[in-house]
Amino acid sequence: MIPPYDFTMIRWVHAFIDRPSQRFEAAALFWSTVLKWTVSPRRGERDEFATLLPPEGDAYVKLQAVGDAGGMHLDLASADVRALADRARYLGANRVSDYGGYAVLASPAGQLFCAVPWHGESRRPEPTRSVLGATSRLDQAVIDVTADQLAAEVTFWGELTGWPTHSGRSPEFTVVQQPDELPVRLLIQVVGEKEASSGHLDLACSDRTLVRAWHEQNGASVVDERPLWTVMRDPAGGVYCLTSRDPRTGRLP
């Protein structure tokens, strides 16, 4: 019997930039430079983890060295990891690994995420101001699904988090809107069969052109340009997007 939902169960969200092991250092250098945050010492059994430390506020962006092409995943932090993991499985998640103190799970569409302990994080860092003057904030995780996976994935994330869901500006997007105090929201995107089972992170930008220039100066390249977002590739080969959303509110003008 699943217990009644506690809307404070998810107390913090960590966004992981997953990149191939052999390109981890390139990823760490790039992301620490464009965010203007410090890289922590590496940790883990294989030195596969590092945290990006903002000058103020609590950390929420981390790096992981992986054995494949990489992508992104989220860690959902809770004061009751077991209850969160149990609820996720009740709602349709698959258990990938269970390490006692934290659990690795996969959503109905196959997006990996972790239920991890909450360590008191509560202060969302301010947006980063680049040397070119524009501000940006890494604040959105995008999960790619096929059209037939959409309803189940939206229901799963909405019920697991307790966050409201609503349609995005474009019909292929559904937003799972986090409380203002949390640093990352979810966007579920309908894509083609060949593009599914993947995910990436987005940055909200006060001036997308200037943020793009700042990222290009530090080794990123442009993959595609759209009216409301720019698809980028970092020096480690990972794809991410710059969007025209407000870095403080996360919303489009």
Foldseek 3Di string as FASTA:
>chain_A
DQDPDDLCFQPEKAKEFEAAQVCQVLVQVLVCQLQVFDWAAFDDPVSFKIWTHDPDAGTRYIYGHDHDGTAMEMEGAGQDQVSLVVVLVVLPWAWDDDPPQKTWIAHNQGGIYMYHHDDPGFAADDFGAFPLGKTKAFAEKEAEHAPVCPVSRVVSVCVSNVFDKDADPDNQWIWRDDPLRYRYTYIYGHDDPVPHNHMHIEMAICDQVSSVVRSVVSPKDWDDDDPFKTWIAGPSGYIYIYGPADRNPRHHD
